[in-house]
Amino acid sequence: MKKNTYFVDIDGTIFVYRKFETYKETDAIVIPSSKTFLQQVYDEGHMIVLTTARPEELKEHTLYELHKNNIPFHRLIMGIERGPRYLINDMDPNKPGERAIAINVTRDGGIQS
């Protein structure tokens, strides 16, 4: 079975949303259902790519928060834009099914499996 790749935003999806300027003075609060979901897909061998609009200068702090809270992931992409995110992928004409799937979650509501 081919493995999936999950592109997952950090703030408001994995951690309760907070403003950039408060990151170093406040602790990250994990959204339990998101951590459970990520651990499940990680254990199944799928790839997790975390994405965030956090600027590159917060990379060390972001990695600290992720590791401190035992958030499983394979890659981290920093500094993406805050506007809508688009995933564009090709579809194999010989294999049915969508190859690009988008899931919107309510801010701080967590990922539900």
PDB file of N, CA and C in Angstrom:
ATOM      1  N   MET A   1       0.846  -1.187   0.000  1.00  0.00           N
ATOM      2  CA  MET A   1       0.000   0.000   0.000  1.00  0.00           C
ATOM      3  C   MET A   1       0.888   1.247   0.000  1.00  0.00           C
ATOM      4  N   LYS A   2       0.573   2.175  -0.874  1.00  0.00           N
ATOM      5  CA  LYS A   2       1.318   3.433  -0.898  1.00  0.00           C
ATOM      6  C   LYS A   2       0.967   4.261   0.329  1.00  0.00           C
ATOM      7  N   LYS A   3       1.945   4.983   0.797  1.00  0.00           N
ATOM      8  CA  LYS A   3       1.747   5.825   1.980  1.00  0.00           C
ATOM      9  C   LYS A   3       1.272   7.209   1.552  1.00  0.00           C
ATOM     10  N   ASN A   4       0.604   7.882   2.459  1.00  0.00           N
ATOM     11  CA  ASN A   4       0.085   9.232   2.226  1.00  0.00           C
ATOM     12  C   ASN A   4       1.056  10.275   2.782  1.00  0.00           C
ATOM     13  N   THR A   5       0.899  11.494   2.313  1.00  0.00           N
ATOM     14  CA  THR A   5       1.616  12.630   2.875  1.00  0.00           C
ATOM     15  C   THR A   5       0.581  13.589   3.434  1.00  0.00           C
ATOM     16  N   TYR A   6       0.749  13.963   4.683  1.00  0.00           N
ATOM     17  CA  TYR A   6      -0.144  14.908   5.350  1.00  0.00           C
ATOM     18  C   TYR A   6       0.601  16.219   5.550  1.00  0.00           C
ATOM     19  N   PHE A   7       0.075  17.298   4.968  1.00  0.00           N
ATOM     20  CA  PHE A   7       0.594  18.645   5.195  1.00  0.00           C
ATOM     21  C   PHE A   7      -0.292  19.256   6.275  1.00  0.00           C
ATOM     22  N   VAL A   8       0.280  19.564   7.425  1.00  0.00           N
ATOM     23  CA  VAL A   8      -0.523  19.977   8.579  1.00  0.00           C
ATOM     24  C   VAL A   8      -0.004  21.301   9.131  1.00  0.00           C
ATOM     25  N   ASP A   9      -0.897  22.262   9.249  1.00  0.00           N
ATOM     26  CA  ASP A   9      -0.576  23.550   9.860  1.00  0.00           C
ATOM     27  C   ASP A   9      -0.366  23.343  11.366  1.00  0.00           C
ATOM     28  N   ILE A  10       0.432  24.185  11.970  1.00  0.00           N
ATOM     29  CA  ILE A  10       0.742  24.022  13.397  1.00  0.00           C
ATOM     30  C   ILE A  10      -0.236  24.795  14.294  1.00  0.00           C
ATOM     31  N   ASP A  11      -0.274  26.119  14.149  1.00  0.00           N
ATOM     32  CA  ASP A  11      -1.036  26.949  15.087  1.00  0.00           C
ATOM     33  C   ASP A  11      -2.523  26.964  14.754  1.00  0.00           C
ATOM     34  N   GLY A  12      -3.323  26.577  15.745  1.00  0.00           N
ATOM     35  CA  GLY A  12      -4.763  26.480  15.560  1.00  0.00           C
ATOM     36  C   GLY A  12      -5.183  25.094  15.109  1.00  0.00           C
ATOM     37  N   THR A  13      -4.189  24.248  14.740  1.00  0.00           N
ATOM     38  CA  THR A  13      -4.477  22.881  14.295  1.00  0.00           C
ATOM     39  C   THR A  13      -3.854  21.857  15.238  1.00  0.00           C
ATOM     40  N   ILE A  14      -2.573  22.034  15.565  1.00  0.00           N
ATOM     41  CA  ILE A  14      -1.879  21.141  16.500  1.00  0.00           C
ATOM     42  C   ILE A  14      -1.795  21.790  17.880  1.00  0.00           C
ATOM     43  N   PHE A  15      -1.418  23.066  17.890  1.00  0.00           N
ATOM     44  CA  PHE A  15      -1.371  23.847  19.127  1.00  0.00           C
ATOM     45  C   PHE A  15      -2.505  24.859  19.104  1.00  0.00           C
ATOM     46  N   VAL A  16      -3.056  25.159  20.277  1.00  0.00           N
ATOM     47  CA  VAL A  16      -4.053  26.218  20.379  1.00  0.00           C
ATOM     48  C   VAL A  16      -3.426  27.498  19.826  1.00  0.00           C
ATOM     49  N   TYR A  17      -4.175  28.211  19.008  1.00  0.00           N
ATOM     50  CA  TYR A  17      -3.667  29.401  18.319  1.00  0.00           C
ATOM     51  C   TYR A  17      -3.225  30.474  19.313  1.00  0.00           C
ATOM     52  N   ARG A  18      -2.101  31.084  19.005  1.00  0.00           N
ATOM     53  CA  ARG A  18      -1.640  32.265  19.743  1.00  0.00           C
ATOM     54  C   ARG A  18      -0.819  33.115  18.789  1.00  0.00           C
ATOM     55  N   LYS A  19      -0.668  34.368  19.093  1.00  0.00           N
ATOM     56  CA  LYS A  19       0.020  35.307  18.209  1.00  0.00           C
ATOM     57  C   LYS A  19       1.532  35.107  18.273  1.00  0.00           C
ATOM     58  N   PHE A  20       2.213  35.379  17.138  1.00  0.00           N
ATOM     59  CA  PHE A  20       3.662  35.196  17.031  1.00  0.00           C
ATOM     60  C   PHE A  20       4.415  35.823  18.202  1.00  0.00           C
ATOM     61  N   GLU A  21       4.032  37.044  18.537  1.00  0.00           N
ATOM     62  CA  GLU A  21       4.791  37.776  19.556  1.00  0.00           C
ATOM     63  C   GLU A  21       4.670  37.171  20.951  1.00  0.00           C
ATOM     64  N   THR A  22       3.769  36.207  21.158  1.00  0.00           N
ATOM     65  CA  THR A  22       3.604  35.591  22.479  1.00  0.00           C
ATOM     66  C   THR A  22       4.281  34.226  22.590  1.00  0.00           C
ATOM     67  N   TYR A  23       4.828  33.706  21.503  1.00  0.00           N
ATOM     68  CA  TYR A  23       5.352  32.333  21.505  1.00  0.00           C
ATOM     69  C   TYR A  23       6.385  32.066  22.584  1.00  0.00           C
ATOM     70  N   LYS A  24       7.331  32.959  22.749  1.00  0.00           N
ATOM     71  CA  LYS A  24       8.418  32.688  23.689  1.00  0.00           C
ATOM     72  C   LYS A  24       8.028  32.922  25.145  1.00  0.00           C
ATOM     73  N   GLU A  25       6.934  33.650  25.374  1.00  0.00           N
ATOM     74  CA  GLU A  25       6.488  33.925  26.749  1.00  0.00           C
ATOM     75  C   GLU A  25       5.364  33.007  27.206  1.00  0.00           C
ATOM     76  N   THR A  26       4.775  32.264  26.290  1.00  0.00           N
ATOM     77  CA  THR A  26       3.662  31.380  26.652  1.00  0.00           C
ATOM     78  C   THR A  26       3.972  29.959  26.212  1.00  0.00           C
ATOM     79  N   ASP A  27       3.408  29.007  26.925  1.00  0.00           N
ATOM     80  CA  ASP A  27       3.598  27.604  26.566  1.00  0.00           C
ATOM     81  C   ASP A  27       2.615  27.198  25.481  1.00  0.00           C
ATOM     82  N   ALA A  28       3.073  26.340  24.582  1.00  0.00           N
ATOM     83  CA  ALA A  28       2.193  25.771  23.565  1.00  0.00           C
ATOM     84  C   ALA A  28       1.217  24.823  24.256  1.00  0.00           C
ATOM     85  N   ILE A  29      -0.041  24.918  23.880  1.00  0.00           N
ATOM     86  CA  ILE A  29      -1.067  24.019  24.409  1.00  0.00           C
ATOM     87  C   ILE A  29      -1.469  23.080  23.282  1.00  0.00           C
ATOM     88  N   VAL A  30      -1.228  21.800  23.486  1.00  0.00           N
ATOM     89  CA  VAL A  30      -1.521  20.790  22.467  1.00  0.00           C
ATOM     90  C   VAL A  30      -3.018  20.533  22.393  1.00  0.00           C
ATOM     91  N   ILE A  31      -3.526  20.391  21.181  1.00  0.00           N
ATOM     92  CA  ILE A  31      -4.915  19.974  20.971  1.00  0.00           C
ATOM     93  C   ILE A  31      -4.881  18.443  20.924  1.00  0.00           C
ATOM     94  N   PRO A  32      -5.427  17.765  21.939  1.00  0.00           N
ATOM     95  CA  PRO A  32      -5.265  16.312  22.073  1.00  0.00           C
ATOM     96  C   PRO A  32      -5.679  15.491  20.842  1.00  0.00           C
ATOM     97  N   SER A  33      -6.805  15.818  20.222  1.00  0.00           N
ATOM     98  CA  SER A  33      -7.251  15.006  19.079  1.00  0.00           C
ATOM     99  C   SER A  33      -6.278  15.108  17.910  1.00  0.00           C
ATOM    100  N   SER A  34      -5.630  16.244  17.761  1.00  0.00           N
ATOM    101  CA  SER A  34      -4.654  16.412  16.681  1.00  0.00           C
ATOM    102  C   SER A  34      -3.409  15.579  16.951  1.00  0.00           C
ATOM    103  N   LYS A  35      -2.930  15.597  18.191  1.00  0.00           N
ATOM    104  CA  LYS A  35      -1.757  14.801  18.534  1.00  0.00           C
ATOM    105  C   LYS A  35      -2.048  13.319  18.337  1.00  0.00           C
ATOM    106  N   THR A  36      -3.224  12.875  18.747  1.00  0.00           N
ATOM    107  CA  THR A  36      -3.618  11.474  18.578  1.00  0.00           C
ATOM    108  C   THR A  36      -3.654  11.107  17.093  1.00  0.00           C
ATOM    109  N   PHE A  37      -4.252  11.975  16.279  1.00  0.00           N
ATOM    110  CA  PHE A  37      -4.337  11.729  14.840  1.00  0.00           C
ATOM    111  C   PHE A  37      -2.936  11.636  14.235  1.00  0.00           C
ATOM    112  N   LEU A  38      -2.074  12.598  14.553  1.00  0.00           N
ATOM    113  CA  LEU A  38      -0.724  12.597  13.994  1.00  0.00           C
ATOM    114  C   LEU A  38       0.056  11.360  14.423  1.00  0.00           C
ATOM    115  N   GLN A  39      -0.078  10.956  15.662  1.00  0.00           N
ATOM    116  CA  GLN A  39       0.626   9.758  16.129  1.00  0.00           C
ATOM    117  C   GLN A  39       0.142   8.525  15.370  1.00  0.00           C
ATOM    118  N   GLN A  40      -1.168   8.458  15.127  1.00  0.00           N
ATOM    119  CA  GLN A  40      -1.734   7.318  14.403  1.00  0.00           C
ATOM    120  C   GLN A  40      -1.185   7.243  12.980  1.00  0.00           C
ATOM    121  N   VAL A  41      -1.231   8.358  12.240  1.00  0.00           N
ATOM    122  CA  VAL A  41      -0.755   8.310  10.856  1.00  0.00           C
ATOM    123  C   VAL A  41       0.764   8.110  10.800  1.00  0.00           C
ATOM    124  N   TYR A  42       1.484   8.658  11.774  1.00  0.00           N
ATOM    125  CA  TYR A  42       2.934   8.450  11.861  1.00  0.00           C
ATOM    126  C   TYR A  42       3.239   6.969  12.078  1.00  0.00           C
ATOM    127  N   ASP A  43       2.527   6.344  13.021  1.00  0.00           N
ATOM    128  CA  ASP A  43       2.729   4.925  13.327  1.00  0.00           C
ATOM    129  C   ASP A  43       2.375   4.038  12.135  1.00  0.00           C
ATOM    130  N   GLU A  44       1.457   4.490  11.299  1.00  0.00           N
ATOM    131  CA  GLU A  44       1.085   3.745  10.091  1.00  0.00           C
ATOM    132  C   GLU A  44       2.096   3.935   8.963  1.00  0.00           C
ATOM    133  N   GLY A  45       3.102   4.774   9.191  1.00  0.00           N
ATOM    134  CA  GLY A  45       4.154   4.956   8.210  1.00  0.00           C
ATOM    135  C   GLY A  45       3.930   6.070   7.205  1.00  0.00           C
ATOM    136  N   HIS A  46       2.894   6.874   7.410  1.00  0.00           N
ATOM    137  CA  HIS A  46       2.636   7.992   6.509  1.00  0.00           C
ATOM    138  C   HIS A  46       3.591   9.150   6.832  1.00  0.00           C
ATOM    139  N   MET A  47       3.799  10.020   5.853  1.00  0.00           N
ATOM    140  CA  MET A  47       4.688  11.170   6.054  1.00  0.00           C
ATOM    141  C   MET A  47       3.893  12.367   6.564  1.00  0.00           C
ATOM    142  N   ILE A  48       4.471  13.064   7.538  1.00  0.00           N
ATOM    143  CA  ILE A  48       3.850  14.274   8.083  1.00  0.00           C
ATOM    144  C   ILE A  48       4.787  15.447   7.810  1.00  0.00           C
ATOM    145  N   VAL A  49       4.260  16.424   7.072  1.00  0.00           N
ATOM    146  CA  VAL A  49       4.995  17.656   6.786  1.00  0.00           C
ATOM    147  C   VAL A  49       4.262  18.781   7.502  1.00  0.00           C
ATOM    148  N   LEU A  50       4.891  19.351   8.496  1.00  0.00           N
ATOM    149  CA  LEU A  50       4.272  20.455   9.226  1.00  0.00           C
ATOM    150  C   LEU A  50       4.558  21.750   8.486  1.00  0.00           C
ATOM    151  N   THR A  51       3.539  22.592   8.402  1.00  0.00           N
ATOM    152  CA  THR A  51       3.671  23.887   7.741  1.00  0.00           C
ATOM    153  C   THR A  51       3.247  24.978   8.712  1.00  0.00           C
ATOM    154  N   THR A  52       3.869  26.137   8.550  1.00  0.00           N
ATOM    155  CA  THR A  52       3.524  27.240   9.441  1.00  0.00           C
ATOM    156  C   THR A  52       3.914  28.574   8.824  1.00  0.00           C
ATOM    157  N   ALA A  53       3.155  29.584   9.167  1.00  0.00           N
ATOM    158  CA  ALA A  53       3.500  30.947   8.764  1.00  0.00           C
ATOM    159  C   ALA A  53       4.515  31.551   9.737  1.00  0.00           C
ATOM    160  N   ARG A  54       4.856  30.831  10.788  1.00  0.00           N
ATOM    161  CA  ARG A  54       5.879  31.332  11.714  1.00  0.00           C
ATOM    162  C   ARG A  54       7.144  31.657  10.916  1.00  0.00           C
ATOM    163  N   PRO A  55       7.762  32.793  11.200  1.00  0.00           N
ATOM    164  CA  PRO A  55       8.971  33.159  10.456  1.00  0.00           C
ATOM    165  C   PRO A  55      10.150  32.240  10.797  1.00  0.00           C
ATOM    166  N   GLU A  56      11.104  32.167   9.878  1.00  0.00           N
ATOM    167  CA  GLU A  56      12.289  31.318  10.047  1.00  0.00           C
ATOM    168  C   GLU A  56      13.024  31.580  11.361  1.00  0.00           C
ATOM    169  N   GLU A  57      13.005  32.831  11.832  1.00  0.00           N
ATOM    170  CA  GLU A  57      13.727  33.114  13.076  1.00  0.00           C
ATOM    171  C   GLU A  57      13.109  32.414  14.295  1.00  0.00           C
ATOM    172  N   LEU A  58      11.907  31.857  14.136  1.00  0.00           N
ATOM    173  CA  LEU A  58      11.286  31.091  15.222  1.00  0.00           C
ATOM    174  C   LEU A  58      11.464  29.583  15.038  1.00  0.00           C
ATOM    175  N   LYS A  59      12.317  29.171  14.103  1.00  0.00           N
ATOM    176  CA  LYS A  59      12.468  27.742  13.818  1.00  0.00           C
ATOM    177  C   LYS A  59      12.971  26.965  15.034  1.00  0.00           C
ATOM    178  N   GLU A  60      14.022  27.444  15.678  1.00  0.00           N
ATOM    179  CA  GLU A  60      14.572  26.735  16.837  1.00  0.00           C
ATOM    180  C   GLU A  60      13.514  26.612  17.942  1.00  0.00           C
ATOM    181  N   HIS A  61      12.788  27.693  18.192  1.00  0.00           N
ATOM    182  CA  HIS A  61      11.746  27.662  19.220  1.00  0.00           C
ATOM    183  C   HIS A  61      10.606  26.721  18.814  1.00  0.00           C
ATOM    184  N   THR A  62      10.251  26.742  17.545  1.00  0.00           N
ATOM    185  CA  THR A  62       9.180  25.860  17.049  1.00  0.00           C
ATOM    186  C   THR A  62       9.585  24.400  17.212  1.00  0.00           C
ATOM    187  N   LEU A  63      10.805  24.052  16.839  1.00  0.00           N
ATOM    188  CA  LEU A  63      11.293  22.685  17.014  1.00  0.00           C
ATOM    189  C   LEU A  63      11.298  22.290  18.486  1.00  0.00           C
ATOM    190  N   TYR A  64      11.690  23.226  19.353  1.00  0.00           N
ATOM    191  CA  TYR A  64      11.661  22.976  20.792  1.00  0.00           C
ATOM    192  C   TYR A  64      10.240  22.627  21.246  1.00  0.00           C
ATOM    193  N   GLU A  65       9.250  23.427  20.833  1.00  0.00           N
ATOM    194  CA  GLU A  65       7.854  23.177  21.237  1.00  0.00           C
ATOM    195  C   GLU A  65       7.352  21.836  20.717  1.00  0.00           C
ATOM    196  N   LEU A  66       7.677  21.523  19.482  1.00  0.00           N
ATOM    197  CA  LEU A  66       7.225  20.261  18.883  1.00  0.00           C
ATOM    198  C   LEU A  66       7.830  19.069  19.620  1.00  0.00           C
ATOM    199  N   HIS A  67       9.128  19.118  19.873  1.00  0.00           N
ATOM    200  CA  HIS A  67       9.788  18.006  20.562  1.00  0.00           C
ATOM    201  C   HIS A  67       9.353  17.911  22.021  1.00  0.00           C
ATOM    202  N   LYS A  68       9.216  19.043  22.691  1.00  0.00           N
ATOM    203  CA  LYS A  68       8.781  19.053  24.095  1.00  0.00           C
ATOM    204  C   LYS A  68       7.410  18.393  24.245  1.00  0.00           C
ATOM    205  N   ASN A  69       6.557  18.584  23.239  1.00  0.00           N
ATOM    206  CA  ASN A  69       5.194  18.051  23.296  1.00  0.00           C
ATOM    207  C   ASN A  69       5.033  16.729  22.548  1.00  0.00           C
ATOM    208  N   ASN A  70       6.163  16.146  22.132  1.00  0.00           N
ATOM    209  CA  ASN A  70       6.154  14.842  21.459  1.00  0.00           C
ATOM    210  C   ASN A  70       5.225  14.795  20.245  1.00  0.00           C
ATOM    211  N   ILE A  71       5.314  15.818  19.413  1.00  0.00           N
ATOM    212  CA  ILE A  71       4.526  15.869  18.183  1.00  0.00           C
ATOM    213  C   ILE A  71       5.327  15.158  17.090  1.00  0.00           C
ATOM    214  N   PRO A  72       4.790  14.065  16.539  1.00  0.00           N
ATOM    215  CA  PRO A  72       5.536  13.340  15.505  1.00  0.00           C
ATOM    216  C   PRO A  72       5.444  14.055  14.158  1.00  0.00           C
ATOM    217  N   PHE A  73       6.572  14.122  13.446  1.00  0.00           N
ATOM    218  CA  PHE A  73       6.595  14.708  12.108  1.00  0.00           C
ATOM    219  C   PHE A  73       7.890  14.321  11.420  1.00  0.00           C
ATOM    220  N   HIS A  74       7.919  14.512  10.112  1.00  0.00           N
ATOM    221  CA  HIS A  74       9.107  14.206   9.316  1.00  0.00           C
ATOM    222  C   HIS A  74       9.803  15.454   8.783  1.00  0.00           C
ATOM    223  N   ARG A  75       9.025  16.462   8.404  1.00  0.00           N
ATOM    224  CA  ARG A  75       9.582  17.688   7.825  1.00  0.00           C
ATOM    225  C   ARG A  75       8.839  18.894   8.404  1.00  0.00           C
ATOM    226  N   LEU A  76       9.525  20.032   8.369  1.00  0.00           N
ATOM    227  CA  LEU A  76       8.938  21.287   8.839  1.00  0.00           C
ATOM    228  C   LEU A  76       9.217  22.360   7.801  1.00  0.00           C
ATOM    229  N   ILE A  77       8.156  23.035   7.358  1.00  0.00           N
ATOM    230  CA  ILE A  77       8.282  24.138   6.414  1.00  0.00           C
ATOM    231  C   ILE A  77       7.809  25.404   7.109  1.00  0.00           C
ATOM    232  N   MET A  78       8.720  26.357   7.247  1.00  0.00           N
ATOM    233  CA  MET A  78       8.452  27.613   7.952  1.00  0.00           C
ATOM    234  C   MET A  78       8.182  28.743   6.953  1.00  0.00           C
ATOM    235  N   GLY A  79       7.540  29.792   7.425  1.00  0.00           N
ATOM    236  CA  GLY A  79       7.420  31.037   6.673  1.00  0.00           C
ATOM    237  C   GLY A  79       6.485  31.015   5.487  1.00  0.00           C
ATOM    238  N   ILE A  80       5.492  30.106   5.482  1.00  0.00           N
ATOM    239  CA  ILE A  80       4.542  30.130   4.371  1.00  0.00           C
ATOM    240  C   ILE A  80       3.564  31.291   4.575  1.00  0.00           C
ATOM    241  N   GLU A  81       2.908  31.681   3.524  1.00  0.00           N
ATOM    242  CA  GLU A  81       1.980  32.818   3.606  1.00  0.00           C
ATOM    243  C   GLU A  81       0.750  32.462   4.433  1.00  0.00           C
ATOM    244  N   ARG A  82       0.089  33.499   4.945  1.00  0.00           N
ATOM    245  CA  ARG A  82      -1.073  33.312   5.807  1.00  0.00           C
ATOM    246  C   ARG A  82      -2.380  33.152   5.036  1.00  0.00           C
ATOM    247  N   GLY A  83      -2.353  33.423   3.745  1.00  0.00           N
ATOM    248  CA  GLY A  83      -3.563  33.279   2.929  1.00  0.00           C
ATOM    249  C   GLY A  83      -3.908  31.813   2.719  1.00  0.00           C
ATOM    250  N   PRO A  84      -4.928  31.541   1.908  1.00  0.00           N
ATOM    251  CA  PRO A  84      -5.320  30.155   1.626  1.00  0.00           C
ATOM    252  C   PRO A  84      -4.145  29.352   1.065  1.00  0.00           C
ATOM    253  N   ARG A  85      -4.127  28.074   1.388  1.00  0.00           N
ATOM    254  CA  ARG A  85      -3.090  27.164   0.912  1.00  0.00           C
ATOM    255  C   ARG A  85      -3.715  26.210  -0.105  1.00  0.00           C
ATOM    256  N   TYR A  86      -3.034  25.977  -1.185  1.00  0.00           N
ATOM    257  CA  TYR A  86      -3.527  25.115  -2.254  1.00  0.00           C
ATOM    258  C   TYR A  86      -2.588  23.923  -2.410  1.00  0.00           C
ATOM    259  N   LEU A  87      -3.140  22.738  -2.525  1.00  0.00           N
ATOM    260  CA  LEU A  87      -2.369  21.542  -2.830  1.00  0.00           C
ATOM    261  C   LEU A  87      -2.770  21.108  -4.230  1.00  0.00           C
ATOM    262  N   ILE A  88      -1.816  21.051  -5.121  1.00  0.00           N
ATOM    263  CA  ILE A  88      -2.085  20.701  -6.516  1.00  0.00           C
ATOM    264  C   ILE A  88      -1.270  19.466  -6.844  1.00  0.00           C
ATOM    265  N   ASN A  89      -1.943  18.443  -7.353  1.00  0.00           N
ATOM    266  CA  ASN A  89      -1.277  17.183  -7.648  1.00  0.00           C
ATOM    267  C   ASN A  89      -1.879  16.571  -8.904  1.00  0.00           C
ATOM    268  N   ASP A  90      -1.101  15.741  -9.607  1.00  0.00           N
ATOM    269  CA  ASP A  90      -1.630  15.072 -10.798  1.00  0.00           C
ATOM    270  C   ASP A  90      -2.448  13.851 -10.404  1.00  0.00           C
ATOM    271  N   MET A  91      -3.321  13.410 -11.335  1.00  0.00           N
ATOM    272  CA  MET A  91      -4.118  12.209 -11.128  1.00  0.00           C
ATOM    273  C   MET A  91      -3.709  11.179 -12.181  1.00  0.00           C
ATOM    274  N   ASP A  92      -3.458   9.972 -11.743  1.00  0.00           N
ATOM    275  CA  ASP A  92      -3.112   8.876 -12.645  1.00  0.00           C
ATOM    276  C   ASP A  92      -4.387   8.417 -13.347  1.00  0.00           C
ATOM    277  N   PRO A  93      -4.447   8.512 -14.677  1.00  0.00           N
ATOM    278  CA  PRO A  93      -5.675   8.124 -15.379  1.00  0.00           C
ATOM    279  C   PRO A  93      -5.996   6.643 -15.252  1.00  0.00           C
ATOM    280  N   ASN A  94      -5.031   5.833 -14.832  1.00  0.00           N
ATOM    281  CA  ASN A  94      -5.251   4.396 -14.697  1.00  0.00           C
ATOM    282  C   ASN A  94      -5.609   3.967 -13.279  1.00  0.00           C
ATOM    283  N   LYS A  95      -5.636   4.923 -12.367  1.00  0.00           N
ATOM    284  CA  LYS A  95      -5.963   4.594 -10.976  1.00  0.00           C
ATOM    285  C   LYS A  95      -7.035   5.552 -10.482  1.00  0.00           C
ATOM    286  N   PRO A  96      -8.176   5.027 -10.075  1.00  0.00           N
ATOM    287  CA  PRO A  96      -9.248   5.911  -9.601  1.00  0.00           C
ATOM    288  C   PRO A  96      -8.902   6.559  -8.268  1.00  0.00           C
ATOM    289  N   GLY A  97      -9.566   7.645  -7.994  1.00  0.00           N
ATOM    290  CA  GLY A  97      -9.409   8.310  -6.708  1.00  0.00           C
ATOM    291  C   GLY A  97      -8.670   9.621  -6.805  1.00  0.00           C
ATOM    292  N   GLU A  98      -9.007  10.515  -5.906  1.00  0.00           N
ATOM    293  CA  GLU A  98      -8.369  11.827  -5.863  1.00  0.00           C
ATOM    294  C   GLU A  98      -6.964  11.716  -5.302  1.00  0.00           C
ATOM    295  N   ARG A  99      -6.079  12.546  -5.808  1.00  0.00           N
ATOM    296  CA  ARG A  99      -4.689  12.560  -5.368  1.00  0.00           C
ATOM    297  C   ARG A  99      -4.358  13.811  -4.552  1.00  0.00           C
ATOM    298  N   ALA A 100      -5.282  14.754  -4.497  1.00  0.00           N
ATOM    299  CA  ALA A 100      -5.119  15.960  -3.682  1.00  0.00           C
ATOM    300  C   ALA A 100      -6.409  16.144  -2.889  1.00  0.00           C
ATOM    301  N   ILE A 101      -6.279  16.144  -1.599  1.00  0.00           N
ATOM    302  CA  ILE A 101      -7.451  16.228  -0.720  1.00  0.00           C
ATOM    303  C   ILE A 101      -7.220  17.365   0.263  1.00  0.00           C
ATOM    304  N   ALA A 102      -8.224  18.205   0.461  1.00  0.00           N
ATOM    305  CA  ALA A 102      -8.117  19.304   1.422  1.00  0.00           C
ATOM    306  C   ALA A 102      -9.098  19.073   2.563  1.00  0.00           C
ATOM    307  N   ILE A 103      -8.638  19.328   3.774  1.00  0.00           N
ATOM    308  CA  ILE A 103      -9.477  19.206   4.968  1.00  0.00           C
ATOM    309  C   ILE A 103      -9.329  20.503   5.750  1.00  0.00           C
ATOM    310  N   ASN A 104     -10.418  21.197   5.943  1.00  0.00           N
ATOM    311  CA  ASN A 104     -10.405  22.410   6.757  1.00  0.00           C
ATOM    312  C   ASN A 104     -10.945  22.064   8.135  1.00  0.00           C
ATOM    313  N   VAL A 105     -10.242  22.489   9.179  1.00  0.00           N
ATOM    314  CA  VAL A 105     -10.706  22.254  10.550  1.00  0.00           C
ATOM    315  C   VAL A 105     -10.965  23.599  11.219  1.00  0.00           C
ATOM    316  N   THR A 106     -11.849  23.588  12.175  1.00  0.00           N
ATOM    317  CA  THR A 106     -12.130  24.792  12.949  1.00  0.00           C
ATOM    318  C   THR A 106     -10.908  25.123  13.805  1.00  0.00           C
ATOM    319  N   ARG A 107     -10.505  26.389  13.824  1.00  0.00           N
ATOM    320  CA  ARG A 107      -9.349  26.786  14.635  1.00  0.00           C
ATOM    321  C   ARG A 107      -9.518  26.304  16.069  1.00  0.00           C
ATOM    322  N   ASP A 108      -8.504  25.662  16.583  1.00  0.00           N
ATOM    323  CA  ASP A 108      -8.428  25.109  17.926  1.00  0.00           C
ATOM    324  C   ASP A 108      -9.383  23.926  18.157  1.00  0.00           C
ATOM    325  N   GLY A 109     -10.066  23.464  17.097  1.00  0.00           N
ATOM    326  CA  GLY A 109     -10.999  22.351  17.232  1.00  0.00           C
ATOM    327  C   GLY A 109     -10.336  20.981  17.084  1.00  0.00           C
ATOM    328  N   GLY A 110      -9.111  20.960  16.586  1.00  0.00           N
ATOM    329  CA  GLY A 110      -8.382  19.712  16.441  1.00  0.00           C
ATOM    330  C   GLY A 110      -8.759  18.939  15.205  1.00  0.00           C
ATOM    331  N   ILE A 111      -7.947  17.925  14.935  1.00  0.00           N
ATOM    332  CA  ILE A 111      -8.191  17.038  13.797  1.00  0.00           C
ATOM    333  C   ILE A 111      -8.995  15.862  14.327  1.00  0.00           C
ATOM    334  N   GLN A 112     -10.103  15.590  13.699  1.00  0.00           N
ATOM    335  CA  GLN A 112     -10.955  14.468  14.091  1.00  0.00           C
ATOM    336  C   GLN A 112     -10.749  13.347  13.083  1.00  0.00           C
ATOM    337  N   SER A 113     -10.522  12.113  13.586  1.00  0.00           N
ATOM    338  CA  SER A 113     -10.321  11.004  12.648  1.00  0.00           C
ATOM    339  C   SER A 113     -11.622  10.434  12.171  1.00  0.00           C
TER     340      SER A 113
END
